[in-house]
Amino acid sequence: MTRGQLSTTSFTLLALLAFAANSILCRLALSLESLPPLDFTVIRISAAALTLWLLLLARNKAQLSKITQYGSTTGAAYLLVYLVGFSFAYVQLGTASGALLLFAAVQFTMLLANRLSGHRLNTIETMGVVISLIGFVYFVFPQLNASDTLSCISMILAGIAWGLYSLTGARSVAPLEDTASNFIRLVPFAFIGMVIIYLQGEFNYRLSGVMYAVLSGALASGLGYALWYLVLPKLPSSLAAVCQLSVPIWAALGGLWLVDEALTLHLILSAALVLGGIAVVILSRFNKDIS
């Protein structure tokens, strides 16, 4: 393995761990510290934008004056939908359940995008999709008459948005600048959120809850997403997709350890079907890419 390949592998692993950390930090803030999802999202966006702005300031002040030339309004819109959907979904969903829904939606979005670009599924890939859909329905069906139906829908929308954001990132040539620009474009929305929070008049924050949101924004989101944009152009789309299948596992372990959540048989079977089916599709495509 060359030094460049080692760096790409290391950065990819760090980015995936950042994705799992976001799920864990969000659950810690919402469930243990009772931080409202809107407040968590506002702090997360603000912390990420400030961190990335300071990094650019330290590296090259001239880049800040040209920041609007990086990123895109479309990318920022995808990011906003993901951030809002993600936070509100975790009000009801467990850490592992939310991560499973999120990245299942991500993979289906990326597979559909590839299909629309002209790629046709072969027999093995079709079987993989069917297996994943069975697992997806099996997981979601018990929630249809439960109080967390809206949370499931919210997380699915977040996953679709993140899938589109990842596809946009595959074309990035300036990952730090693009990520910073996308978050800075969201600052006005964070300000609107602050006004809503102020009008509601509820500020019963615990320092630990705020710190979880700051860590999620500054490290797991700001730096983590910049790393993801850094490695995406260097990874085959099939490999980038299959890498993300590990995130629900990391999130489940974190949930068991830090949030004291139970690992149910229903979740295990759902994850095995969803992730296994998608892995069949992606590995089949990866084998064709290298053959």
Foldseek 3Di string as FASTA:
>chain_A
DDPVVVVLVVLLVQLLLLLLLLLLLLLCLCPVFVDALLNLLLLLLVLLLVLLQVVCVVPPVVVVVVLLVAADPLLLVLVVLLSSLLNVLSNPDFSLLLLLLQLLLLLVLLVVVVVVVPDDFDPQLVQLVVLQVVLVCLLCVVCPPPPSNSSSVSSSSSSNSVSVSLVVLLPDPQLSSNLNSSSVVCNVVSVVSVVVCVVVPDDPGDPSSSVSSSCSRHPSRNVSRSSSSVSNNVDDPLVSSLSSLCSSVSNVVSCCPPVVDDDDPSSVSSSCRNSVSSNSNSVVVVVVVVD
